[in-house]
PDB file of N, CA and C in Angstrom:
ATOM      1  N   MET A   1       3.485 138.246 186.210  1.00  0.00           N
ATOM      2  CA  MET A   1       2.407 137.521 186.841  1.00  0.00           C
ATOM      3  C   MET A   1       1.874 136.462 185.887  1.00  0.00           C
ATOM      4  N   ALA A   2       1.593 135.276 186.422  1.00  0.00           N
ATOM      5  CA  ALA A   2       1.151 134.155 185.595  1.00  0.00           C
ATOM      6  C   ALA A   2      -0.252 134.384 185.069  1.00  0.00           C
ATOM      7  N   ASN A   3      -0.471 133.897 183.860  1.00  0.00           N
ATOM      8  CA  ASN A   3      -1.799 133.946 183.270  1.00  0.00           C
ATOM      9  C   ASN A   3      -2.626 132.841 183.908  1.00  0.00           C
ATOM     10  N   THR A   4      -3.696 133.188 184.603  1.00  0.00           N
ATOM     11  CA  THR A   4      -4.483 132.195 185.321  1.00  0.00           C
ATOM     12  C   THR A   4      -5.868 132.026 184.711  1.00  0.00           C
ATOM     13  N   ARG A   5      -5.998 132.329 183.432  1.00  0.00           N
ATOM     14  CA  ARG A   5      -7.272 132.111 182.763  1.00  0.00           C
ATOM     15  C   ARG A   5      -7.635 130.646 182.857  1.00  0.00           C
ATOM     16  N   ASN A   6      -8.904 130.376 183.036  1.00  0.00           N
ATOM     17  CA  ASN A   6      -9.376 129.013 183.179  1.00  0.00           C
ATOM     18  C   ASN A   6      -9.710 128.428 181.806  1.00  0.00           C
ATOM     19  N   THR A   7      -8.685 128.110 181.041  1.00  0.00           N
ATOM     20  CA  THR A   7      -8.878 127.585 179.700  1.00  0.00           C
ATOM     21  C   THR A   7      -9.235 126.107 179.754  1.00  0.00           C
ATOM     22  N   ALA A   8      -9.709 125.586 178.625  1.00  0.00           N
ATOM     23  CA  ALA A   8     -10.039 124.164 178.538  1.00  0.00           C
ATOM     24  C   ALA A   8      -8.800 123.314 178.811  1.00  0.00           C
ATOM     25  N   GLN A   9      -7.641 123.748 178.289  1.00  0.00           N
ATOM     26  CA  GLN A   9      -6.406 122.993 178.512  1.00  0.00           C
ATOM     27  C   GLN A   9      -6.030 122.978 179.991  1.00  0.00           C
ATOM     28  N   ARG A  10      -6.181 124.123 180.632  1.00  0.00           N
ATOM     29  CA  ARG A  10      -5.875 124.211 182.065  1.00  0.00           C
ATOM     30  C   ARG A  10      -6.785 123.286 182.861  1.00  0.00           C
ATOM     31  N   ARG A  11      -8.084 123.315 182.536  1.00  0.00           N
ATOM     32  CA  ARG A  11      -9.042 122.442 183.233  1.00  0.00           C
ATOM     33  C   ARG A  11      -8.709 120.970 183.002  1.00  0.00           C
ATOM     34  N   GLU A  12      -8.281 120.650 181.787  1.00  0.00           N
ATOM     35  CA  GLU A  12      -7.936 119.269 181.456  1.00  0.00           C
ATOM     36  C   GLU A  12      -6.736 118.802 182.283  1.00  0.00           C
ATOM     37  N   VAL A  13      -5.696 119.623 182.341  1.00  0.00           N
ATOM     38  CA  VAL A  13      -4.496 119.280 183.103  1.00  0.00           C
ATOM     39  C   VAL A  13      -4.831 119.146 184.585  1.00  0.00           C
ATOM     40  N   ILE A  14      -5.557 120.098 185.134  1.00  0.00           N
ATOM     41  CA  ILE A  14      -5.924 120.055 186.553  1.00  0.00           C
ATOM     42  C   ILE A  14      -6.804 118.840 186.847  1.00  0.00           C
ATOM     43  N   GLY A  15      -7.743 118.564 185.952  1.00  0.00           N
ATOM     44  CA  GLY A  15      -8.642 117.437 186.161  1.00  0.00           C
ATOM     45  C   GLY A  15      -7.913 116.113 186.254  1.00  0.00           C
ATOM     46  N   VAL A  16      -6.993 115.871 185.346  1.00  0.00           N
ATOM     47  CA  VAL A  16      -6.248 114.612 185.370  1.00  0.00           C
ATOM     48  C   VAL A  16      -5.290 114.586 186.553  1.00  0.00           C
ATOM     49  N   LEU A  17      -4.621 115.700 186.837  1.00  0.00           N
ATOM     50  CA  LEU A  17      -3.725 115.745 188.002  1.00  0.00           C
ATOM     51  C   LEU A  17      -4.481 115.448 189.293  1.00  0.00           C
ATOM     52  N   GLY A  18      -5.724 115.883 189.362  1.00  0.00           N
ATOM     53  CA  GLY A  18      -6.533 115.647 190.553  1.00  0.00           C
ATOM     54  C   GLY A  18      -6.855 114.185 190.780  1.00  0.00           C
ATOM     55  N   ARG A  19      -6.792 113.387 189.734  1.00  0.00           N
ATOM     56  CA  ARG A  19      -7.099 111.952 189.850  1.00  0.00           C
ATOM     57  C   ARG A  19      -5.863 111.090 190.065  1.00  0.00           C
ATOM     58  N   VAL A  20      -4.681 111.655 189.807  1.00  0.00           N
ATOM     59  CA  VAL A  20      -3.434 110.899 189.911  1.00  0.00           C
ATOM     60  C   VAL A  20      -2.972 110.881 191.366  1.00  0.00           C
ATOM     61  N   GLN A  21      -2.560 109.711 191.821  1.00  0.00           N
ATOM     62  CA  GLN A  21      -1.986 109.603 193.166  1.00  0.00           C
ATOM     63  C   GLN A  21      -0.497 109.889 193.082  1.00  0.00           C
ATOM     64  N   GLY A  22      -0.015 110.840 193.845  1.00  0.00           N
ATOM     65  CA  GLY A  22       1.407 111.143 193.856  1.00  0.00           C
ATOM     66  C   GLY A  22       1.808 112.042 192.699  1.00  0.00           C
ATOM     67  N   PHE A  23       3.103 112.082 192.460  1.00  0.00           N
ATOM     68  CA  PHE A  23       3.677 112.945 191.427  1.00  0.00           C
ATOM     69  C   PHE A  23       3.735 112.218 190.097  1.00  0.00           C
ATOM     70  N   VAL A  24       3.648 112.974 188.999  1.00  0.00           N
ATOM     71  CA  VAL A  24       3.647 112.412 187.649  1.00  0.00           C
ATOM     72  C   VAL A  24       4.462 113.312 186.734  1.00  0.00           C
ATOM     73  N   SER A  25       5.106 112.720 185.746  1.00  0.00           N
ATOM     74  CA  SER A  25       5.866 113.507 184.778  1.00  0.00           C
ATOM     75  C   SER A  25       4.913 114.160 183.783  1.00  0.00           C
ATOM     76  N   ALA A  26       5.392 115.176 183.091  1.00  0.00           N
ATOM     77  CA  ALA A  26       4.579 115.840 182.062  1.00  0.00           C
ATOM     78  C   ALA A  26       4.217 114.853 180.952  1.00  0.00           C
ATOM     79  N   GLN A  27       5.161 113.997 180.591  1.00  0.00           N
ATOM     80  CA  GLN A  27       4.905 113.014 179.536  1.00  0.00           C
ATOM     81  C   GLN A  27       3.813 112.028 179.943  1.00  0.00           C
ATOM     82  N   ASP A  28       3.890 111.533 181.178  1.00  0.00           N
ATOM     83  CA  ASP A  28       2.873 110.597 181.657  1.00  0.00           C
ATOM     84  C   ASP A  28       1.515 111.289 181.771  1.00  0.00           C
ATOM     85  N   LEU A  29       1.521 112.530 182.221  1.00  0.00           N
ATOM     86  CA  LEU A  29       0.281 113.293 182.311  1.00  0.00           C
ATOM     87  C   LEU A  29      -0.335 113.476 180.922  1.00  0.00           C
ATOM     88  N   HIS A  30       0.496 113.807 179.947  1.00  0.00           N
ATOM     89  CA  HIS A  30       0.030 113.970 178.570  1.00  0.00           C
ATOM     90  C   HIS A  30      -0.622 112.679 178.075  1.00  0.00           C
ATOM     91  N   GLU A  31       0.019 111.536 178.327  1.00  0.00           N
ATOM     92  CA  GLU A  31      -0.538 110.247 177.911  1.00  0.00           C
ATOM     93  C   GLU A  31      -1.891 109.991 178.572  1.00  0.00           C
ATOM     94  N   LEU A  32      -2.024 110.322 179.842  1.00  0.00           N
ATOM     95  CA  LEU A  32      -3.295 110.122 180.544  1.00  0.00           C
ATOM     96  C   LEU A  32      -4.397 110.996 179.956  1.00  0.00           C
ATOM     97  N   ILE A  33      -4.057 112.236 179.632  1.00  0.00           N
ATOM     98  CA  ILE A  33      -5.040 113.147 179.029  1.00  0.00           C
ATOM     99  C   ILE A  33      -5.495 112.609 177.676  1.00  0.00           C
ATOM    100  N   ILE A  34      -4.567 112.135 176.862  1.00  0.00           N
ATOM    101  CA  ILE A  34      -4.890 111.587 175.545  1.00  0.00           C
ATOM    102  C   ILE A  34      -5.774 110.342 175.704  1.00  0.00           C
ATOM    103  N   LYS A  35      -5.432 109.462 176.667  1.00  0.00           N
ATOM    104  CA  LYS A  35      -6.248 108.268 176.932  1.00  0.00           C
ATOM    105  C   LYS A  35      -7.669 108.639 177.315  1.00  0.00           C
ATOM    106  N   ASP A  36      -7.827 109.781 177.998  1.00  0.00           N
ATOM    107  CA  ASP A  36      -9.156 110.268 178.397  1.00  0.00           C
ATOM    108  C   ASP A  36      -9.896 110.914 177.235  1.00  0.00           C
ATOM    109  N   GLY A  37      -9.254 110.980 176.057  1.00  0.00           N
ATOM    110  CA  GLY A  37      -9.900 111.571 174.893  1.00  0.00           C
ATOM    111  C   GLY A  37      -9.575 113.033 174.676  1.00  0.00           C
ATOM    112  N   GLY A  38      -8.679 113.571 175.494  1.00  0.00           N
ATOM    113  CA  GLY A  38      -8.285 114.964 175.337  1.00  0.00           C
ATOM    114  C   GLY A  38      -7.419 115.169 174.113  1.00  0.00           C
ATOM    115  N   GLN A  39      -7.459 116.378 173.598  1.00  0.00           N
ATOM    116  CA  GLN A  39      -6.630 116.717 172.438  1.00  0.00           C
ATOM    117  C   GLN A  39      -5.776 117.914 172.828  1.00  0.00           C
ATOM    118  N   ILE A  40      -4.595 117.608 173.343  1.00  0.00           N
ATOM    119  CA  ILE A  40      -3.687 118.637 173.834  1.00  0.00           C
ATOM    120  C   ILE A  40      -2.264 118.201 173.493  1.00  0.00           C
ATOM    121  N   SER A  41      -1.442 119.125 173.082  1.00  0.00           N
ATOM    122  CA  SER A  41      -0.060 118.777 172.740  1.00  0.00           C
ATOM    123  C   SER A  41       0.780 118.687 174.012  1.00  0.00           C
ATOM    124  N   LEU A  42       1.882 117.971 173.917  1.00  0.00           N
ATOM    125  CA  LEU A  42       2.806 117.872 175.038  1.00  0.00           C
ATOM    126  C   LEU A  42       3.349 119.250 175.397  1.00  0.00           C
ATOM    127  N   ALA A  43       3.621 120.079 174.400  1.00  0.00           N
ATOM    128  CA  ALA A  43       4.111 121.437 174.661  1.00  0.00           C
ATOM    129  C   ALA A  43       3.094 122.238 175.477  1.00  0.00           C
ATOM    130  N   THR A  44       1.804 122.070 175.180  1.00  0.00           N
ATOM    131  CA  THR A  44       0.762 122.779 175.926  1.00  0.00           C
ATOM    132  C   THR A  44       0.678 122.255 177.358  1.00  0.00           C
ATOM    133  N   VAL A  45       0.872 120.947 177.543  1.00  0.00           N
ATOM    134  CA  VAL A  45       0.890 120.384 178.896  1.00  0.00           C
ATOM    135  C   VAL A  45       2.013 121.035 179.691  1.00  0.00           C
ATOM    136  N   TYR A  46       3.202 121.128 179.098  1.00  0.00           N
ATOM    137  CA  TYR A  46       4.329 121.783 179.779  1.00  0.00           C
ATOM    138  C   TYR A  46       4.009 123.243 180.107  1.00  0.00           C
ATOM    139  N   THR A  47       3.406 123.953 179.176  1.00  0.00           N
ATOM    140  CA  THR A  47       3.056 125.357 179.401  1.00  0.00           C
ATOM    141  C   THR A  47       2.061 125.489 180.554  1.00  0.00           C
ATOM    142  N   GLN A  48       1.035 124.652 180.543  1.00  0.00           N
ATOM    143  CA  GLN A  48       0.034 124.706 181.605  1.00  0.00           C
ATOM    144  C   GLN A  48       0.637 124.339 182.957  1.00  0.00           C
ATOM    145  N   LEU A  49       1.502 123.326 182.984  1.00  0.00           N
ATOM    146  CA  LEU A  49       2.151 122.951 184.242  1.00  0.00           C
ATOM    147  C   LEU A  49       3.010 124.084 184.780  1.00  0.00           C
ATOM    148  N   ARG A  50       3.756 124.759 183.895  1.00  0.00           N
ATOM    149  CA  ARG A  50       4.579 125.893 184.335  1.00  0.00           C
ATOM    150  C   ARG A  50       3.705 126.963 184.981  1.00  0.00           C
ATOM    151  N   LYS A  51       2.580 127.286 184.336  1.00  0.00           N
ATOM    152  CA  LYS A  51       1.676 128.302 184.870  1.00  0.00           C
ATOM    153  C   LYS A  51       1.055 127.854 186.192  1.00  0.00           C
ATOM    154  N   LEU A  52       0.718 126.574 186.300  1.00  0.00           N
ATOM    155  CA  LEU A  52       0.117 126.060 187.528  1.00  0.00           C
ATOM    156  C   LEU A  52       1.120 126.031 188.674  1.00  0.00           C
ATOM    157  N   VAL A  53       2.391 125.779 188.367  1.00  0.00           N
ATOM    158  CA  VAL A  53       3.439 125.845 189.392  1.00  0.00           C
ATOM    159  C   VAL A  53       3.605 127.290 189.849  1.00  0.00           C
ATOM    160  N   GLU A  54       3.634 128.231 188.883  1.00  0.00           N
ATOM    161  CA  GLU A  54       3.784 129.654 189.219  1.00  0.00           C
ATOM    162  C   GLU A  54       2.635 130.149 190.087  1.00  0.00           C
ATOM    163  N   SER A  55       1.426 129.663 189.835  1.00  0.00           N
ATOM    164  CA  SER A  55       0.259 130.093 190.620  1.00  0.00           C
ATOM    165  C   SER A  55       0.111 129.284 191.899  1.00  0.00           C
ATOM    166  N   LYS A  56       1.030 128.348 192.127  1.00  0.00           N
ATOM    167  CA  LYS A  56       1.053 127.505 193.328  1.00  0.00           C
ATOM    168  C   LYS A  56      -0.138 126.555 193.415  1.00  0.00           C
ATOM    169  N   ASP A  57      -0.728 126.231 192.280  1.00  0.00           N
ATOM    170  CA  ASP A  57      -1.809 125.250 192.236  1.00  0.00           C
ATOM    171  C   ASP A  57      -1.266 123.835 192.068  1.00  0.00           C
ATOM    172  N   VAL A  58       0.003 123.733 191.678  1.00  0.00           N
ATOM    173  CA  VAL A  58       0.647 122.448 191.442  1.00  0.00           C
ATOM    174  C   VAL A  58       2.009 122.457 192.113  1.00  0.00           C
ATOM    175  N   ASP A  59       2.334 121.342 192.771  1.00  0.00           N
ATOM    176  CA  ASP A  59       3.654 121.158 193.369  1.00  0.00           C
ATOM    177  C   ASP A  59       4.575 120.535 192.333  1.00  0.00           C
ATOM    178  N   ILE A  60       5.845 120.850 192.430  1.00  0.00           N
ATOM    179  CA  ILE A  60       6.850 120.268 191.542  1.00  0.00           C
ATOM    180  C   ILE A  60       8.014 119.784 192.383  1.00  0.00           C
ATOM    181  N   VAL A  61       8.517 118.599 192.034  1.00  0.00           N
ATOM    182  CA  VAL A  61       9.742 118.085 192.641  1.00  0.00           C
ATOM    183  C   VAL A  61      10.653 117.642 191.510  1.00  0.00           C
ATOM    184  N   MET A  62      11.940 117.642 191.784  1.00  0.00           N
ATOM    185  CA  MET A  62      12.940 117.223 190.807  1.00  0.00           C
ATOM    186  C   MET A  62      13.520 115.895 191.277  1.00  0.00           C
ATOM    187  N   THR A  63      13.540 114.912 190.393  1.00  0.00           N
ATOM    188  CA  THR A  63      14.131 113.628 190.745  1.00  0.00           C
ATOM    189  C   THR A  63      15.653 113.751 190.710  1.00  0.00           C
ATOM    190  N   ASP A  64      16.327 112.749 191.239  1.00  0.00           N
ATOM    191  CA  ASP A  64      17.787 112.784 191.210  1.00  0.00           C
ATOM    192  C   ASP A  64      18.319 112.616 189.787  1.00  0.00           C
ATOM    193  N   ARG A  65      17.456 112.252 188.849  1.00  0.00           N
ATOM    194  CA  ARG A  65      17.831 112.170 187.428  1.00  0.00           C
ATOM    195  C   ARG A  65      17.553 113.482 186.707  1.00  0.00           C
ATOM    196  N   GLY A  66      17.044 114.487 187.426  1.00  0.00           N
ATOM    197  CA  GLY A  66      16.788 115.786 186.826  1.00  0.00           C
ATOM    198  C   GLY A  66      15.425 115.920 186.173  1.00  0.00           C
ATOM    199  N   GLU A  67      14.545 114.944 186.383  1.00  0.00           N
ATOM    200  CA  GLU A  67      13.203 114.992 185.795  1.00  0.00           C
ATOM    201  C   GLU A  67      12.248 115.728 186.733  1.00  0.00           C
ATOM    202  N   SER A  68      11.427 116.605 186.177  1.00  0.00           N
ATOM    203  CA  SER A  68      10.419 117.314 186.964  1.00  0.00           C
ATOM    204  C   SER A  68       9.167 116.460 187.050  1.00  0.00           C
ATOM    205  N   LEU A  69       8.631 116.354 188.270  1.00  0.00           N
ATOM    206  CA  LEU A  69       7.380 115.636 188.512  1.00  0.00           C
ATOM    207  C   LEU A  69       6.392 116.601 189.141  1.00  0.00           C
ATOM    208  N   TYR A  70       5.110 116.409 188.847  1.00  0.00           N
ATOM    209  CA  TYR A  70       4.079 117.367 189.234  1.00  0.00           C
ATOM    210  C   TYR A  70       2.954 116.664 189.983  1.00  0.00           C
ATOM    211  N   ARG A  71       2.294 117.430 190.880  1.00  0.00           N
ATOM    212  CA  ARG A  71       1.151 116.923 191.632  1.00  0.00           C
ATOM    213  C   ARG A  71       0.240 118.080 191.984  1.00  0.00           C
ATOM    214  N   ARG A  72      -1.048 117.834 191.950  1.00  0.00           N
ATOM    215  CA  ARG A  72      -2.024 118.835 192.374  1.00  0.00           C
ATOM    216  C   ARG A  72      -1.745 119.165 193.822  1.00  0.00           C
ATOM    217  N   CYS A  73      -1.593 120.421 194.122  1.00  0.00           N
ATOM    218  CA  CYS A  73      -1.240 120.869 195.470  1.00  0.00           C
ATOM    219  C   CYS A  73      -2.391 120.614 196.426  1.00  0.00           C
ATOM    220  N   VAL A  74      -2.111 119.926 197.523  1.00  0.00           N
ATOM    221  CA  VAL A  74      -3.151 119.643 198.506  1.00  0.00           C
ATOM    222  C   VAL A  74      -3.011 120.505 199.758  1.00  0.00           C
ATOM    223  N   VAL A  75      -1.889 121.184 199.896  1.00  0.00           N
ATOM    224  CA  VAL A  75      -1.667 122.079 201.027  1.00  0.00           C
ATOM    225  C   VAL A  75      -1.588 123.497 200.484  1.00  0.00           C
ATOM    226  N   ASP A  76      -2.307 124.411 201.111  1.00  0.00           N
ATOM    227  CA  ASP A  76      -2.421 125.770 200.575  1.00  0.00           C
ATOM    228  C   ASP A  76      -1.386 126.742 201.132  1.00  0.00           C
ATOM    229  N   VAL A  77      -0.353 126.224 201.791  1.00  0.00           N
ATOM    230  CA  VAL A  77       0.703 127.087 202.323  1.00  0.00           C
ATOM    231  C   VAL A  77       2.048 126.589 201.802  1.00  0.00           C
ATOM    232  N   HIS A  78       3.063 127.441 201.880  1.00  0.00           N
ATOM    233  CA  HIS A  78       4.397 127.064 201.435  1.00  0.00           C
ATOM    234  C   HIS A  78       4.868 125.834 202.209  1.00  0.00           C
ATOM    235  N   HIS A  79       5.386 124.858 201.493  1.00  0.00           N
ATOM    236  CA  HIS A  79       5.863 123.638 202.126  1.00  0.00           C
ATOM    237  C   HIS A  79       6.919 122.987 201.245  1.00  0.00           C
ATOM    238  N   HIS A  80       7.522 121.941 201.770  1.00  0.00           N
ATOM    239  CA  HIS A  80       8.557 121.195 201.057  1.00  0.00           C
ATOM    240  C   HIS A  80       8.175 119.730 201.029  1.00  0.00           C
ATOM    241  N   HIS A  81       8.914 118.968 200.239  1.00  0.00           N
ATOM    242  CA  HIS A  81       8.631 117.547 200.105  1.00  0.00           C
ATOM    243  C   HIS A  81       9.868 116.718 200.389  1.00  0.00           C
ATOM    244  N   LEU A  82       9.645 115.558 200.959  1.00  0.00           N
ATOM    245  CA  LEU A  82      10.653 114.529 201.109  1.00  0.00           C
ATOM    246  C   LEU A  82      10.207 113.417 200.171  1.00  0.00           C
ATOM    247  N   ALA A  83      11.037 113.084 199.188  1.00  0.00           N
ATOM    248  CA  ALA A  83      10.639 112.120 198.158  1.00  0.00           C
ATOM    249  C   ALA A  83      11.549 110.905 198.153  1.00  0.00           C
ATOM    250  N   CYS A  84      10.952 109.735 197.919  1.00  0.00           N
ATOM    251  CA  CYS A  84      11.711 108.497 197.813  1.00  0.00           C
ATOM    252  C   CYS A  84      12.290 108.377 196.405  1.00  0.00           C
ATOM    253  N   ARG A  85      13.601 108.165 196.324  1.00  0.00           N
ATOM    254  CA  ARG A  85      14.260 108.017 195.024  1.00  0.00           C
ATOM    255  C   ARG A  85      13.910 106.706 194.346  1.00  0.00           C
ATOM    256  N   ASN A  86      13.389 105.756 195.091  1.00  0.00           N
ATOM    257  CA  ASN A  86      13.088 104.448 194.517  1.00  0.00           C
ATOM    258  C   ASN A  86      11.653 104.377 193.990  1.00  0.00           C
ATOM    259  N   CYS A  87      10.658 104.661 194.838  1.00  0.00           N
ATOM    260  CA  CYS A  87       9.256 104.477 194.432  1.00  0.00           C
ATOM    261  C   CYS A  87       8.538 105.785 194.125  1.00  0.00           C
ATOM    262  N   GLY A  88       9.137 106.916 194.491  1.00  0.00           N
ATOM    263  CA  GLY A  88       8.513 108.199 194.216  1.00  0.00           C
ATOM    264  C   GLY A  88       7.538 108.673 195.274  1.00  0.00           C
ATOM    265  N   ALA A  89       7.355 107.902 196.336  1.00  0.00           N
ATOM    266  CA  ALA A  89       6.453 108.324 197.421  1.00  0.00           C
ATOM    267  C   ALA A  89       6.941 109.651 197.984  1.00  0.00           C
ATOM    268  N   THR A  90       6.004 110.522 198.354  1.00  0.00           N
ATOM    269  CA  THR A  90       6.385 111.817 198.904  1.00  0.00           C
ATOM    270  C   THR A  90       5.658 112.090 200.204  1.00  0.00           C
ATOM    271  N   VAL A  91       6.303 112.899 201.013  1.00  0.00           N
ATOM    272  CA  VAL A  91       5.735 113.359 202.274  1.00  0.00           C
ATOM    273  C   VAL A  91       5.882 114.876 202.283  1.00  0.00           C
ATOM    274  N   GLU A  92       4.814 115.576 202.611  1.00  0.00           N
ATOM    275  CA  GLU A  92       4.904 117.027 202.749  1.00  0.00           C
ATOM    276  C   GLU A  92       5.457 117.325 204.133  1.00  0.00           C
ATOM    277  N   VAL A  93       6.455 118.209 204.182  1.00  0.00           N
ATOM    278  CA  VAL A  93       7.079 118.537 205.457  1.00  0.00           C
ATOM    279  C   VAL A  93       7.002 120.027 205.727  1.00  0.00           C
ATOM    280  N   ASP A  94       6.766 120.352 206.962  1.00  0.00           N
ATOM    281  CA  ASP A  94       6.767 121.726 207.433  1.00  0.00           C
ATOM    282  C   ASP A  94       8.129 121.940 208.085  1.00  0.00           C
ATOM    283  N   ALA A  95       8.836 122.969 207.684  1.00  0.00           N
ATOM    284  CA  ALA A  95      10.192 123.179 208.186  1.00  0.00           C
ATOM    285  C   ALA A  95      10.401 124.635 208.586  1.00  0.00           C
ATOM    286  N   PRO A  96       9.823 125.065 209.711  1.00  0.00           N
ATOM    287  CA  PRO A  96       9.974 126.464 210.107  1.00  0.00           C
ATOM    288  C   PRO A  96      11.423 126.884 210.327  1.00  0.00           C
ATOM    289  N   GLN A  97      12.279 125.954 210.773  1.00  0.00           N
ATOM    290  CA  GLN A  97      13.695 126.282 210.954  1.00  0.00           C
ATOM    291  C   GLN A  97      14.342 126.603 209.605  1.00  0.00           C
ATOM    292  N   LEU A  98      13.969 125.866 208.578  1.00  0.00           N
ATOM    293  CA  LEU A  98      14.495 126.104 207.238  1.00  0.00           C
ATOM    294  C   LEU A  98      14.052 127.467 206.727  1.00  0.00           C
ATOM    295  N   GLU A  99      12.783 127.803 206.949  1.00  0.00           N
ATOM    296  CA  GLU A  99      12.266 129.106 206.505  1.00  0.00           C
ATOM    297  C   GLU A  99      13.013 130.240 207.200  1.00  0.00           C
ATOM    298  N   LYS A 100      13.262 130.074 208.492  1.00  0.00           N
ATOM    299  CA  LYS A 100      13.990 131.096 209.259  1.00  0.00           C
ATOM    300  C   LYS A 100      15.417 131.232 208.714  1.00  0.00           C
ATOM    301  N   TRP A 101      16.087 130.097 208.491  1.00  0.00           N
ATOM    302  CA  TRP A 101      17.443 130.108 207.964  1.00  0.00           C
ATOM    303  C   TRP A 101      17.488 130.785 206.595  1.00  0.00           C
ATOM    304  N   ALA A 102      16.553 130.436 205.700  1.00  0.00           N
ATOM    305  CA  ALA A 102      16.530 131.028 204.353  1.00  0.00           C
ATOM    306  C   ALA A 102      16.338 132.537 204.427  1.00  0.00           C
ATOM    307  N   SER A 103      15.444 132.988 205.288  1.00  0.00           N
ATOM    308  CA  SER A 103      15.208 134.433 205.451  1.00  0.00           C
ATOM    309  C   SER A 103      16.446 135.141 205.975  1.00  0.00           C
ATOM    310  N   GLU A 104      17.123 134.525 206.941  1.00  0.00           N
ATOM    311  CA  GLU A 104      18.337 135.114 207.498  1.00  0.00           C
ATOM    312  C   GLU A 104      19.444 135.224 206.441  1.00  0.00           C
ATOM    313  N   ILE A 105      19.610 134.178 205.649  1.00  0.00           N
ATOM    314  CA  ILE A 105      20.633 134.187 204.593  1.00  0.00           C
ATOM    315  C   ILE A 105      20.317 135.280 203.564  1.00  0.00           C
ATOM    316  N   ALA A 106      19.057 135.378 203.181  1.00  0.00           N
ATOM    317  CA  ALA A 106      18.663 136.396 202.198  1.00  0.00           C
ATOM    318  C   ALA A 106      18.921 137.795 202.756  1.00  0.00           C
ATOM    319  N   SER A 107      18.479 138.024 203.975  1.00  0.00           N
ATOM    320  CA  SER A 107      18.640 139.333 204.601  1.00  0.00           C
ATOM    321  C   SER A 107      20.119 139.696 204.736  1.00  0.00           C
ATOM    322  N   LYS A 108      20.918 138.745 205.186  1.00  0.00           N
ATOM    323  CA  LYS A 108      22.356 138.958 205.372  1.00  0.00           C
ATOM    324  C   LYS A 108      23.035 139.378 204.065  1.00  0.00           C
ATOM    325  N   ASN A 109      22.488 138.904 202.951  1.00  0.00           N
ATOM    326  CA  ASN A 109      23.076 139.195 201.649  1.00  0.00           C
ATOM    327  C   ASN A 109      22.312 140.252 200.868  1.00  0.00           C
ATOM    328  N   GLY A 110      21.363 140.932 201.537  1.00  0.00           N
ATOM    329  CA  GLY A 110      20.658 142.043 200.917  1.00  0.00           C
ATOM    330  C   GLY A 110      19.588 141.648 199.908  1.00  0.00           C
ATOM    331  N   PHE A 111      19.069 140.424 200.000  1.00  0.00           N
ATOM    332  CA  PHE A 111      18.039 139.970 199.060  1.00  0.00           C
ATOM    333  C   PHE A 111      16.646 140.165 199.639  1.00  0.00           C
ATOM    334  N   LYS A 112      15.705 140.504 198.769  1.00  0.00           N
ATOM    335  CA  LYS A 112      14.282 140.656 199.139  1.00  0.00           C
ATOM    336  C   LYS A 112      13.457 139.730 198.266  1.00  0.00           C
ATOM    337  N   ASP A 113      12.181 139.577 198.590  1.00  0.00           N
ATOM    338  CA  ASP A 113      11.246 138.763 197.821  1.00  0.00           C
ATOM    339  C   ASP A 113      11.821 137.368 197.572  1.00  0.00           C
ATOM    340  N   LEU A 114      12.258 136.722 198.637  1.00  0.00           N
ATOM    341  CA  LEU A 114      12.908 135.420 198.564  1.00  0.00           C
ATOM    342  C   LEU A 114      11.917 134.327 198.174  1.00  0.00           C
ATOM    343  N   ARG A 115      12.339 133.500 197.235  1.00  0.00           N
ATOM    344  CA  ARG A 115      11.619 132.280 196.864  1.00  0.00           C
ATOM    345  C   ARG A 115      12.646 131.165 196.858  1.00  0.00           C
ATOM    346  N   HIS A 116      12.216 129.977 197.212  1.00  0.00           N
ATOM    347  CA  HIS A 116      13.159 128.863 197.225  1.00  0.00           C
ATOM    348  C   HIS A 116      12.432 127.543 197.027  1.00  0.00           C
ATOM    349  N   VAL A 117      13.196 126.581 196.559  1.00  0.00           N
ATOM    350  CA  VAL A 117      12.729 125.207 196.421  1.00  0.00           C
ATOM    351  C   VAL A 117      13.820 124.330 197.017  1.00  0.00           C
ATOM    352  N   ILE A 118      13.452 123.552 197.994  1.00  0.00           N
ATOM    353  CA  ILE A 118      14.391 122.636 198.619  1.00  0.00           C
ATOM    354  C   ILE A 118      13.950 121.224 198.259  1.00  0.00           C
ATOM    355  N   GLU A 119      14.849 120.472 197.682  1.00  0.00           N
ATOM    356  CA  GLU A 119      14.557 119.089 197.300  1.00  0.00           C
ATOM    357  C   GLU A 119      15.230 118.155 198.311  1.00  0.00           C
ATOM    358  N   LEU A 120      14.444 117.420 199.036  1.00  0.00           N
ATOM    359  CA  LEU A 120      14.956 116.418 199.966  1.00  0.00           C
ATOM    360  C   LEU A 120      14.541 115.058 199.427  1.00  0.00           C
ATOM    361  N   ASN A 121      15.510 114.175 199.227  1.00  0.00           N
ATOM    362  CA  ASN A 121      15.136 112.845 198.773  1.00  0.00           C
ATOM    363  C   ASN A 121      16.020 111.804 199.423  1.00  0.00           C
ATOM    364  N   GLY A 122      15.455 110.633 199.532  1.00  0.00           N
ATOM    365  CA  GLY A 122      16.146 109.502 200.144  1.00  0.00           C
ATOM    366  C   GLY A 122      15.410 108.244 199.765  1.00  0.00           C
ATOM    367  N   ILE A 123      15.562 107.205 200.577  1.00  0.00           N
ATOM    368  CA  ILE A 123      14.874 105.941 200.353  1.00  0.00           C
ATOM    369  C   ILE A 123      13.877 105.757 201.502  1.00  0.00           C
ATOM    370  N   CYS A 124      12.604 105.628 201.149  1.00  0.00           N
ATOM    371  CA  CYS A 124      11.555 105.524 202.172  1.00  0.00           C
ATOM    372  C   CYS A 124      11.679 104.189 202.924  1.00  0.00           C
ATOM    373  N   GLN A 125      10.994 104.103 204.040  1.00  0.00           N
ATOM    374  CA  GLN A 125      11.060 102.915 204.887  1.00  0.00           C
ATOM    375  C   GLN A 125      10.563 101.672 204.139  1.00  0.00           C
ATOM    376  N   LYS A 126       9.533 101.817 203.327  1.00  0.00           N
ATOM    377  CA  LYS A 126       8.980 100.695 202.562  1.00  0.00           C
ATOM    378  C   LYS A 126       9.998 100.114 201.585  1.00  0.00           C
ATOM    379  N   CYS A 127      10.828 100.977 200.987  1.00  0.00           N
ATOM    380  CA  CYS A 127      11.805 100.539 199.978  1.00  0.00           C
ATOM    381  C   CYS A 127      13.141 100.102 200.555  1.00  0.00           C
ATOM    382  N   GLN A 128      13.364 100.353 201.835  1.00  0.00           N
ATOM    383  CA  GLN A 128      14.664 100.017 202.439  1.00  0.00           C
ATOM    384  C   GLN A 128      14.874  98.515 202.536  1.00  0.00           C
TER     385      GLN A 128
END
């Protein structure tokens, strides 16, 4: 179980993430915190982001280059994202058919406590 103590570092990461529009890399988030006068190491930013993802307080998407991007979660239920590979714009999508399919596949193969991350990306209408 994730450590969800409300530390100063956790508050700092959440505070800056709450002001950022869209997804941001850990490195960019670290730079923003430092610009705000925070004193936190990049390693601590990564640690806090991992814990926030585990507690579902932060969404994470993977770019096609393999970079993890983070955003303060605005939806309180399980969901997926459709992300633009060009500008990074994201749309939260509800996919009940996908959830049903994932559950069926897990059950068919004897798996319980299923967790999944589906990355959907393309080029948004604005960038086309």
